[in-house]
Amino acid sequence: MHQSRFSQVGIGPTEDLSLRVSVAVLIRLLFRNPTDGVWTLALERKATLYKTGDGNVVEVKAQPFGGGVTIHDLKRLYELIGDFHFDSEQSRSEGDFRLFIQPKCWQTLKSFCIEQFKYADARVFDTDPGRELSEEIFDTLCVQLSPSSYTSRAADIVLEDRPRVTENPRARGYATVRLYQVYEAIITDTVLGIAMIKKDHSYSDMDLEEMAIVDEQQGGKGRANCIFVTPLAAVTSFYRNLSIEARDQPVVYKGHNMADSVLAILDGIPVPKYKRL
């Protein structure tokens, strides 16, 4: 739906547009386990098929719900930082805030985005967590999320100011800085909480790998979605007991590969690469 507005914007890095910027919403999705009342964290468990020189590889990771914010006002961005490109055709078609910019413009863009997160005045981009949450709950559970089924509030702004190579398939290998608006959403619908637990128990990571392969063979993008639920106190304690250095490395928790961004949504755990604003 954004293609006509964004078609004039280029794609990919250039000599000048060499810094990738990702601005996203992450959601700390919580519910009380209907069995014991324990606060439980829900993560999206996603399988993604990558094509490599040695064949296909499927990666399964647990990550926070959420995604890239949607740009509404291209003109304002051009006035602010000059030329920029989207990082991929997918980002351009969806209007996602995943851009290549001039490195010298990062400080200006960063300050502007932080103000947008804090005050959301001009609506240059969309920070409402409801859209991403509704889409991803449907992808994982095949359930239409009702606004009455959850509450949400803005929790943190998290900055990753030091460029780090991204593993995102849209722009794998490029140095990226990141800015996250973290929301806390609480599921109040007991039936939905039960459905999350049931779905988690229904599919292993190996099942998801096979589903992603089948999806690719049938003409899809090679993806499969599920959910992972775990007591909030347990996963927080696990990360807190890791060394500072280990928190910057790939982590396996309860047999699942965890995305780096899980640490961005957990309270009270210092992480060298993240700054909470």
C-alpha atoms as a PDB file:
ATOM      1  CA  MET A   1       0.000   0.000   0.000  1.00  0.00           C
ATOM      2  CA  HIS A   2       3.004   2.260   0.419  1.00  0.00           C
ATOM      3  CA  GLN A   3       4.583   1.385  -2.929  1.00  0.00           C
ATOM      4  CA  SER A   4       3.266   4.367  -4.886  1.00  0.00           C
ATOM      5  CA  ARG A   5       4.476   6.858  -2.278  1.00  0.00           C
ATOM      6  CA  PHE A   6       7.883   5.291  -1.752  1.00  0.00           C
ATOM      7  CA  SER A   7       8.764   4.086  -5.250  1.00  0.00           C
ATOM      8  CA  GLN A   8      11.030   7.090  -5.866  1.00  0.00           C
ATOM      9  CA  VAL A   9      13.262   6.151  -2.902  1.00  0.00           C
ATOM     10  CA  GLY A  10      16.329   4.030  -3.710  1.00  0.00           C
ATOM     11  CA  ILE A  11      17.228   0.662  -2.258  1.00  0.00           C
ATOM     12  CA  GLY A  12      20.471  -0.530  -0.699  1.00  0.00           C
ATOM     13  CA  PRO A  13      23.712   1.113   0.431  1.00  0.00           C
ATOM     14  CA  THR A  14      25.927   3.444  -1.563  1.00  0.00           C
ATOM     15  CA  GLU A  15      29.343   4.909  -0.858  1.00  0.00           C
ATOM     16  CA  ASP A  16      27.672   7.812   0.962  1.00  0.00           C
ATOM     17  CA  LEU A  17      24.634   5.986   2.371  1.00  0.00           C
ATOM     18  CA  SER A  18      26.591   3.393   4.306  1.00  0.00           C
ATOM     19  CA  LEU A  19      25.002   3.285   7.783  1.00  0.00           C
ATOM     20  CA  ARG A  20      21.911   1.162   8.286  1.00  0.00           C
ATOM     21  CA  VAL A  21      19.338   2.427  10.785  1.00  0.00           C
ATOM     22  CA  SER A  22      16.574   0.269  12.238  1.00  0.00           C
ATOM     23  CA  VAL A  23      13.820   1.951  14.250  1.00  0.00           C
ATOM     24  CA  ALA A  24      11.341  -0.504  15.726  1.00  0.00           C
ATOM     25  CA  VAL A  25       8.700  -1.243  18.322  1.00  0.00           C
ATOM     26  CA  LEU A  26       9.310  -4.171  20.686  1.00  0.00           C
ATOM     27  CA  ILE A  27       6.601  -5.586  22.930  1.00  0.00           C
ATOM     28  CA  ARG A  28       7.064  -7.156  26.338  1.00  0.00           C
ATOM     29  CA  LEU A  29       3.988  -9.382  26.097  1.00  0.00           C
ATOM     30  CA  LEU A  30       2.830 -10.729  29.461  1.00  0.00           C
ATOM     31  CA  PHE A  31      -0.049 -12.736  30.851  1.00  0.00           C
ATOM     32  CA  ARG A  32      -0.851 -14.573  34.051  1.00  0.00           C
ATOM     33  CA  ASN A  33      -0.679 -18.342  33.641  1.00  0.00           C
ATOM     34  CA  PRO A  34      -4.287 -19.437  34.206  1.00  0.00           C
ATOM     35  CA  THR A  35      -3.090 -22.518  36.127  1.00  0.00           C
ATOM     36  CA  ASP A  36      -0.881 -20.925  38.786  1.00  0.00           C
ATOM     37  CA  GLY A  37      -1.192 -17.174  38.329  1.00  0.00           C
ATOM     38  CA  VAL A  38       2.527 -16.776  37.505  1.00  0.00           C
ATOM     39  CA  TRP A  39       3.454 -13.832  35.278  1.00  0.00           C
ATOM     40  CA  THR A  40       4.504 -15.318  31.944  1.00  0.00           C
ATOM     41  CA  LEU A  41       6.448 -13.801  29.038  1.00  0.00           C
ATOM     42  CA  ALA A  42       5.345 -14.616  25.502  1.00  0.00           C
ATOM     43  CA  LEU A  43       7.839 -14.433  22.627  1.00  0.00           C
ATOM     44  CA  GLU A  44       7.406 -15.039  18.936  1.00  0.00           C
ATOM     45  CA  ARG A  45       9.185 -18.214  17.843  1.00  0.00           C
ATOM     46  CA  LYS A  46      10.089 -17.771  14.178  1.00  0.00           C
ATOM     47  CA  ALA A  47      11.698 -20.101  11.629  1.00  0.00           C
ATOM     48  CA  THR A  48      13.341 -18.435   8.619  1.00  0.00           C
ATOM     49  CA  LEU A  49      14.895 -20.213   5.634  1.00  0.00           C
ATOM     50  CA  TYR A  50      18.065 -18.690   4.175  1.00  0.00           C
ATOM     51  CA  LYS A  51      19.604 -19.645   0.862  1.00  0.00           C
ATOM     52  CA  THR A  52      23.398 -20.044   1.039  1.00  0.00           C
ATOM     53  CA  GLY A  53      26.103 -21.282  -1.298  1.00  0.00           C
ATOM     54  CA  ASP A  54      25.970 -24.623   0.468  1.00  0.00           C
ATOM     55  CA  GLY A  55      22.195 -24.962   0.267  1.00  0.00           C
ATOM     56  CA  ASN A  56      19.270 -23.918   2.417  1.00  0.00           C
ATOM     57  CA  VAL A  57      19.637 -23.176   6.133  1.00  0.00           C
ATOM     58  CA  VAL A  58      16.703 -22.725   8.511  1.00  0.00           C
ATOM     59  CA  GLU A  59      17.191 -20.583  11.613  1.00  0.00           C
ATOM     60  CA  VAL A  60      14.732 -20.705  14.515  1.00  0.00           C
ATOM     61  CA  LYS A  61      14.799 -17.943  17.122  1.00  0.00           C
ATOM     62  CA  ALA A  62      12.583 -16.689  19.926  1.00  0.00           C
ATOM     63  CA  GLN A  63      12.207 -12.916  19.746  1.00  0.00           C
ATOM     64  CA  PRO A  64       9.976 -10.176  21.114  1.00  0.00           C
ATOM     65  CA  PHE A  65       6.746  -9.386  19.328  1.00  0.00           C
ATOM     66  CA  GLY A  66       6.931  -6.168  17.337  1.00  0.00           C
ATOM     67  CA  GLY A  67       8.703  -4.883  14.251  1.00  0.00           C
ATOM     68  CA  GLY A  68       9.835  -1.907  12.247  1.00  0.00           C
ATOM     69  CA  VAL A  69       7.788   1.271  12.593  1.00  0.00           C
ATOM     70  CA  THR A  70       5.997   2.557   9.497  1.00  0.00           C
ATOM     71  CA  ILE A  71       7.067   5.873   7.938  1.00  0.00           C
ATOM     72  CA  HIS A  72       4.250   8.287   7.131  1.00  0.00           C
ATOM     73  CA  ASP A  73       6.082  11.481   6.159  1.00  0.00           C
ATOM     74  CA  LEU A  74       8.933  11.053   3.668  1.00  0.00           C
ATOM     75  CA  LYS A  75       9.211  14.790   3.113  1.00  0.00           C
ATOM     76  CA  ARG A  76      10.009  15.465   6.767  1.00  0.00           C
ATOM     77  CA  LEU A  77      12.783  12.863   6.735  1.00  0.00           C
ATOM     78  CA  TYR A  78      14.318  14.360   3.595  1.00  0.00           C
ATOM     79  CA  GLU A  79      14.254  17.803   5.219  1.00  0.00           C
ATOM     80  CA  LEU A  80      15.972  16.355   8.258  1.00  0.00           C
ATOM     81  CA  ILE A  81      18.772  14.176   6.825  1.00  0.00           C
ATOM     82  CA  GLY A  82      18.800  14.597   3.051  1.00  0.00           C
ATOM     83  CA  ASP A  83      19.016  11.549   0.818  1.00  0.00           C
ATOM     84  CA  PHE A  84      18.408   8.031   2.162  1.00  0.00           C
ATOM     85  CA  HIS A  85      17.579   4.583   0.830  1.00  0.00           C
ATOM     86  CA  PHE A  86      15.474   1.725   2.134  1.00  0.00           C
ATOM     87  CA  ASP A  87      17.469  -1.375   2.984  1.00  0.00           C
ATOM     88  CA  SER A  88      15.425  -3.689   0.749  1.00  0.00           C
ATOM     89  CA  GLU A  89      12.488  -3.924  -1.603  1.00  0.00           C
ATOM     90  CA  GLN A  90      10.411  -5.352   1.229  1.00  0.00           C
ATOM     91  CA  SER A  91      11.152  -2.384   3.495  1.00  0.00           C
ATOM     92  CA  ARG A  92      10.282   0.037   0.698  1.00  0.00           C
ATOM     93  CA  SER A  93       7.011  -1.709  -0.150  1.00  0.00           C
ATOM     94  CA  GLU A  94       5.975  -1.742   3.523  1.00  0.00           C
ATOM     95  CA  GLY A  95       7.347   1.693   4.424  1.00  0.00           C
ATOM     96  CA  ASP A  96       9.468   0.228   7.223  1.00  0.00           C
ATOM     97  CA  PHE A  97      11.974   2.445   9.030  1.00  0.00           C
ATOM     98  CA  ARG A  98      14.960   0.363   7.957  1.00  0.00           C
ATOM     99  CA  LEU A  99      17.138   2.784   6.059  1.00  0.00           C
ATOM    100  CA  PHE A 100      20.630   3.451   4.779  1.00  0.00           C
ATOM    101  CA  ILE A 101      21.729   6.993   5.654  1.00  0.00           C
ATOM    102  CA  GLN A 102      24.874   9.097   5.693  1.00  0.00           C
ATOM    103  CA  PRO A 103      26.732   8.259   8.946  1.00  0.00           C
ATOM    104  CA  LYS A 104      27.120  11.971   9.735  1.00  0.00           C
ATOM    105  CA  CYS A 105      23.304  12.282   9.908  1.00  0.00           C
ATOM    106  CA  TRP A 106      22.804   9.654  12.612  1.00  0.00           C
ATOM    107  CA  GLN A 107      22.990  12.052  15.570  1.00  0.00           C
ATOM    108  CA  THR A 108      20.346  14.317  14.044  1.00  0.00           C
ATOM    109  CA  LEU A 109      18.071  11.434  13.117  1.00  0.00           C
ATOM    110  CA  LYS A 110      18.528   9.759  16.507  1.00  0.00           C
ATOM    111  CA  SER A 111      17.523  12.894  18.429  1.00  0.00           C
ATOM    112  CA  PHE A 112      14.505  13.387  16.209  1.00  0.00           C
ATOM    113  CA  CYS A 113      13.305   9.782  16.626  1.00  0.00           C
ATOM    114  CA  ILE A 114      13.699   9.931  20.399  1.00  0.00           C
ATOM    115  CA  GLU A 115      11.535  13.057  20.495  1.00  0.00           C
ATOM    116  CA  GLN A 116       8.962  11.305  18.318  1.00  0.00           C
ATOM    117  CA  PHE A 117       8.900   8.364  20.706  1.00  0.00           C
ATOM    118  CA  LYS A 118       8.496  10.628  23.717  1.00  0.00           C
ATOM    119  CA  TYR A 119       5.886  12.989  22.344  1.00  0.00           C
ATOM    120  CA  ALA A 120       4.534  11.407  19.121  1.00  0.00           C
ATOM    121  CA  ASP A 121       3.523  14.846  17.907  1.00  0.00           C
ATOM    122  CA  ALA A 122       3.978  14.988  14.135  1.00  0.00           C
ATOM    123  CA  ARG A 123       3.322  11.328  13.349  1.00  0.00           C
ATOM    124  CA  VAL A 124       6.272  11.095  10.982  1.00  0.00           C
ATOM    125  CA  PHE A 125       6.176   7.389  11.769  1.00  0.00           C
ATOM    126  CA  ASP A 126       3.739   5.029  13.467  1.00  0.00           C
ATOM    127  CA  THR A 127       4.670   3.760  16.940  1.00  0.00           C
ATOM    128  CA  ASP A 128       1.320   2.136  17.836  1.00  0.00           C
ATOM    129  CA  PRO A 129       2.086  -1.420  19.041  1.00  0.00           C
ATOM    130  CA  GLY A 130      -1.432  -2.625  18.295  1.00  0.00           C
ATOM    131  CA  ARG A 131      -0.902  -3.138  14.563  1.00  0.00           C
ATOM    132  CA  GLU A 132       2.215  -5.307  14.898  1.00  0.00           C
ATOM    133  CA  LEU A 133       0.812  -7.229  17.850  1.00  0.00           C
ATOM    134  CA  SER A 134      -2.462  -7.987  16.073  1.00  0.00           C
ATOM    135  CA  GLU A 135      -0.683  -9.159  12.914  1.00  0.00           C
ATOM    136  CA  GLU A 136       1.770 -11.376  14.769  1.00  0.00           C
ATOM    137  CA  ILE A 137      -0.798 -12.885  17.125  1.00  0.00           C
ATOM    138  CA  PHE A 138      -2.787 -13.847  14.032  1.00  0.00           C
ATOM    139  CA  ASP A 139       0.347 -15.316  12.394  1.00  0.00           C
ATOM    140  CA  THR A 140       1.196 -17.383  15.461  1.00  0.00           C
ATOM    141  CA  LEU A 141      -2.244 -18.339  16.804  1.00  0.00           C
ATOM    142  CA  CYS A 142      -4.681 -17.683  13.924  1.00  0.00           C
ATOM    143  CA  VAL A 143      -6.645 -15.514  16.361  1.00  0.00           C
ATOM    144  CA  GLN A 144      -7.971 -12.008  15.716  1.00  0.00           C
ATOM    145  CA  LEU A 145      -6.746  -9.945  18.676  1.00  0.00           C
ATOM    146  CA  SER A 146      -9.462  -7.733  20.126  1.00  0.00           C
ATOM    147  CA  PRO A 147      -8.481  -4.376  21.694  1.00  0.00           C
ATOM    148  CA  SER A 148     -10.421  -5.485  24.761  1.00  0.00           C
ATOM    149  CA  SER A 149      -8.134  -8.529  25.166  1.00  0.00           C
ATOM    150  CA  TYR A 150      -5.068  -6.570  26.300  1.00  0.00           C
ATOM    151  CA  THR A 151      -3.741  -3.353  27.774  1.00  0.00           C
ATOM    152  CA  SER A 152      -0.525  -1.603  26.753  1.00  0.00           C
ATOM    153  CA  ARG A 153       1.758   1.193  27.896  1.00  0.00           C
ATOM    154  CA  ALA A 154       5.041   2.706  26.737  1.00  0.00           C
ATOM    155  CA  ALA A 155       7.833   1.294  28.916  1.00  0.00           C
ATOM    156  CA  ASP A 156      11.325   2.217  27.637  1.00  0.00           C
ATOM    157  CA  ILE A 157      13.324   3.710  24.814  1.00  0.00           C
ATOM    158  CA  VAL A 158      16.367   1.551  24.116  1.00  0.00           C
ATOM    159  CA  LEU A 159      19.302   2.729  22.017  1.00  0.00           C
ATOM    160  CA  GLU A 160      22.026   0.658  20.371  1.00  0.00           C
ATOM    161  CA  ASP A 161      24.356   3.464  19.364  1.00  0.00           C
ATOM    162  CA  ARG A 162      27.413   1.456  18.350  1.00  0.00           C
ATOM    163  CA  PRO A 163      27.031   0.036  14.814  1.00  0.00           C
ATOM    164  CA  ARG A 164      26.796  -3.737  14.830  1.00  0.00           C
ATOM    165  CA  VAL A 165      26.591  -6.068  11.850  1.00  0.00           C
ATOM    166  CA  THR A 166      23.013  -7.190  11.255  1.00  0.00           C
ATOM    167  CA  GLU A 167      21.858 -10.738  10.598  1.00  0.00           C
ATOM    168  CA  ASN A 168      18.528  -9.521   9.231  1.00  0.00           C
ATOM    169  CA  PRO A 169      18.006 -11.244   5.852  1.00  0.00           C
ATOM    170  CA  ARG A 170      16.994  -7.933   4.291  1.00  0.00           C
ATOM    171  CA  ALA A 171      20.508  -6.495   4.713  1.00  0.00           C
ATOM    172  CA  ARG A 172      22.681  -9.205   6.219  1.00  0.00           C
ATOM    173  CA  GLY A 173      26.216  -8.105   7.037  1.00  0.00           C
ATOM    174  CA  TYR A 174      25.726  -4.320   7.122  1.00  0.00           C
ATOM    175  CA  ALA A 175      26.668  -2.168  10.118  1.00  0.00           C
ATOM    176  CA  THR A 176      23.466  -1.116  11.859  1.00  0.00           C
ATOM    177  CA  VAL A 177      22.433   1.186  14.691  1.00  0.00           C
ATOM    178  CA  ARG A 178      19.092   0.560  16.394  1.00  0.00           C
ATOM    179  CA  LEU A 179      16.466   2.453  18.319  1.00  0.00           C
ATOM    180  CA  TYR A 180      13.582   0.660  20.019  1.00  0.00           C
ATOM    181  CA  GLN A 181      10.385   1.877  21.608  1.00  0.00           C
ATOM    182  CA  VAL A 182       9.527  -0.843  24.128  1.00  0.00           C
ATOM    183  CA  TYR A 183       5.908  -1.348  25.117  1.00  0.00           C
ATOM    184  CA  GLU A 184       4.519  -3.573  27.825  1.00  0.00           C
ATOM    185  CA  ALA A 185       1.316  -5.325  26.773  1.00  0.00           C
ATOM    186  CA  ILE A 186      -0.680  -7.459  29.183  1.00  0.00           C
ATOM    187  CA  ILE A 187      -3.096 -10.067  27.880  1.00  0.00           C
ATOM    188  CA  THR A 188      -6.255  -9.932  29.992  1.00  0.00           C
ATOM    189  CA  ASP A 189      -8.163 -12.648  28.096  1.00  0.00           C
ATOM    190  CA  THR A 190      -7.709 -15.958  29.967  1.00  0.00           C
ATOM    191  CA  VAL A 191      -8.741 -17.990  26.935  1.00  0.00           C
ATOM    192  CA  LEU A 192      -5.985 -16.353  24.871  1.00  0.00           C
ATOM    193  CA  GLY A 193      -3.429 -17.150  27.567  1.00  0.00           C
ATOM    194  CA  ILE A 194      -4.460 -20.816  27.473  1.00  0.00           C
ATOM    195  CA  ALA A 195      -4.180 -20.793  23.671  1.00  0.00           C
ATOM    196  CA  MET A 196      -0.616 -19.423  23.903  1.00  0.00           C
ATOM    197  CA  ILE A 197       0.454 -22.194  26.266  1.00  0.00           C
ATOM    198  CA  LYS A 198      -1.194 -24.872  24.113  1.00  0.00           C
ATOM    199  CA  LYS A 199       0.446 -23.547  20.922  1.00  0.00           C
ATOM    200  CA  ASP A 200       3.883 -23.472  22.568  1.00  0.00           C
ATOM    201  CA  HIS A 201       3.517 -27.131  23.528  1.00  0.00           C
ATOM    202  CA  SER A 202       2.247 -28.156  20.079  1.00  0.00           C
ATOM    203  CA  TYR A 203       5.352 -27.479  17.952  1.00  0.00           C
ATOM    204  CA  SER A 204       9.050 -28.067  18.513  1.00  0.00           C
ATOM    205  CA  ASP A 205      11.760 -26.002  16.835  1.00  0.00           C
ATOM    206  CA  MET A 206      12.363 -28.985  14.531  1.00  0.00           C
ATOM    207  CA  ASP A 207       8.695 -28.899  13.521  1.00  0.00           C
ATOM    208  CA  LEU A 208       9.063 -25.225  12.649  1.00  0.00           C
ATOM    209  CA  GLU A 209      12.156 -25.933  10.545  1.00  0.00           C
ATOM    210  CA  GLU A 210      10.235 -28.484   8.517  1.00  0.00           C
ATOM    211  CA  MET A 211       7.268 -26.115   8.152  1.00  0.00           C
ATOM    212  CA  ALA A 212       9.554 -23.345   6.820  1.00  0.00           C
ATOM    213  CA  ILE A 213      11.023 -25.727   4.246  1.00  0.00           C
ATOM    214  CA  VAL A 214       7.554 -26.781   3.098  1.00  0.00           C
ATOM    215  CA  ASP A 215       6.490 -23.123   2.919  1.00  0.00           C
ATOM    216  CA  GLU A 216       9.415 -22.344   0.610  1.00  0.00           C
ATOM    217  CA  GLN A 217       8.703 -25.392  -1.559  1.00  0.00           C
ATOM    218  CA  GLN A 218       5.112 -24.201  -1.965  1.00  0.00           C
ATOM    219  CA  GLY A 219       6.214 -20.773  -3.179  1.00  0.00           C
ATOM    220  CA  GLY A 220       6.265 -18.931   0.153  1.00  0.00           C
ATOM    221  CA  LYS A 221       9.098 -17.008   1.786  1.00  0.00           C
ATOM    222  CA  GLY A 222      10.355 -20.011   3.774  1.00  0.00           C
ATOM    223  CA  ARG A 223       8.933 -18.987   7.139  1.00  0.00           C
ATOM    224  CA  ALA A 224       6.937 -20.494   9.978  1.00  0.00           C
ATOM    225  CA  ASN A 225       5.649 -18.885  13.176  1.00  0.00           C
ATOM    226  CA  CYS A 226       4.867 -20.186  16.621  1.00  0.00           C
ATOM    227  CA  ILE A 227       5.130 -18.915  20.191  1.00  0.00           C
ATOM    228  CA  PHE A 228       7.328 -19.522  23.227  1.00  0.00           C
ATOM    229  CA  VAL A 229       6.060 -18.880  26.745  1.00  0.00           C
ATOM    230  CA  THR A 230       8.123 -18.924  29.926  1.00  0.00           C
ATOM    231  CA  PRO A 231       7.772 -17.554  33.468  1.00  0.00           C
ATOM    232  CA  LEU A 232       8.987 -13.956  33.451  1.00  0.00           C
ATOM    233  CA  ALA A 233      10.947 -14.373  36.689  1.00  0.00           C
ATOM    234  CA  ALA A 234      12.749 -17.458  35.362  1.00  0.00           C
ATOM    235  CA  VAL A 235      13.948 -15.918  32.112  1.00  0.00           C
ATOM    236  CA  THR A 236      14.916 -12.680  33.885  1.00  0.00           C
ATOM    237  CA  SER A 237      16.938 -14.656  36.450  1.00  0.00           C
ATOM    238  CA  PHE A 238      18.626 -16.637  33.668  1.00  0.00           C
ATOM    239  CA  TYR A 239      19.894 -13.495  31.955  1.00  0.00           C
ATOM    240  CA  ARG A 240      20.795 -11.768  35.210  1.00  0.00           C
ATOM    241  CA  ASN A 241      23.032 -14.726  36.147  1.00  0.00           C
ATOM    242  CA  LEU A 242      24.992 -14.475  32.898  1.00  0.00           C
ATOM    243  CA  SER A 243      28.209 -12.478  32.889  1.00  0.00           C
ATOM    244  CA  ILE A 244      28.134  -9.062  31.242  1.00  0.00           C
ATOM    245  CA  GLU A 245      30.255 -10.464  28.411  1.00  0.00           C
ATOM    246  CA  ALA A 246      27.939 -13.457  27.886  1.00  0.00           C
ATOM    247  CA  ARG A 247      24.956 -11.155  27.452  1.00  0.00           C
ATOM    248  CA  ASP A 248      26.560  -9.913  24.226  1.00  0.00           C
ATOM    249  CA  GLN A 249      26.785 -13.453  22.804  1.00  0.00           C
ATOM    250  CA  PRO A 250      24.170 -15.798  21.278  1.00  0.00           C
ATOM    251  CA  VAL A 251      22.180 -17.424  24.084  1.00  0.00           C
ATOM    252  CA  VAL A 252      20.222 -20.682  24.312  1.00  0.00           C
ATOM    253  CA  TYR A 253      17.453 -20.794  26.923  1.00  0.00           C
ATOM    254  CA  LYS A 254      15.417 -23.940  27.568  1.00  0.00           C
ATOM    255  CA  GLY A 255      16.655 -25.340  24.268  1.00  0.00           C
ATOM    256  CA  HIS A 256      15.673 -22.290  22.207  1.00  0.00           C
ATOM    257  CA  ASN A 257      17.960 -19.811  20.454  1.00  0.00           C
ATOM    258  CA  MET A 258      17.145 -16.377  21.805  1.00  0.00           C
ATOM    259  CA  ALA A 259      17.340 -13.191  19.745  1.00  0.00           C
ATOM    260  CA  ASP A 260      19.578 -10.413  21.105  1.00  0.00           C
ATOM    261  CA  SER A 261      16.559  -8.121  21.343  1.00  0.00           C
ATOM    262  CA  VAL A 262      15.018 -10.194  24.159  1.00  0.00           C
ATOM    263  CA  LEU A 263      17.398  -8.356  26.490  1.00  0.00           C
ATOM    264  CA  ALA A 264      15.986  -5.032  25.308  1.00  0.00           C
ATOM    265  CA  ILE A 265      12.553  -5.828  26.777  1.00  0.00           C
ATOM    266  CA  LEU A 266      13.680  -7.203  30.170  1.00  0.00           C
ATOM    267  CA  ASP A 267      13.950  -4.797  33.102  1.00  0.00           C
ATOM    268  CA  GLY A 268      16.964  -4.395  35.368  1.00  0.00           C
ATOM    269  CA  ILE A 269      19.591  -6.268  33.351  1.00  0.00           C
ATOM    270  CA  PRO A 270      22.606  -4.178  32.267  1.00  0.00           C
ATOM    271  CA  VAL A 271      23.694  -4.869  28.688  1.00  0.00           C
ATOM    272  CA  PRO A 272      26.798  -3.139  27.272  1.00  0.00           C
ATOM    273  CA  LYS A 273      25.313  -2.515  23.832  1.00  0.00           C
ATOM    274  CA  TYR A 274      21.979  -1.098  25.071  1.00  0.00           C
ATOM    275  CA  LYS A 275      21.295   2.271  26.659  1.00  0.00           C
ATOM    276  CA  ARG A 276      17.908   2.949  28.238  1.00  0.00           C
ATOM    277  CA  LEU A 277      16.766   6.541  27.777  1.00  0.00           C
END
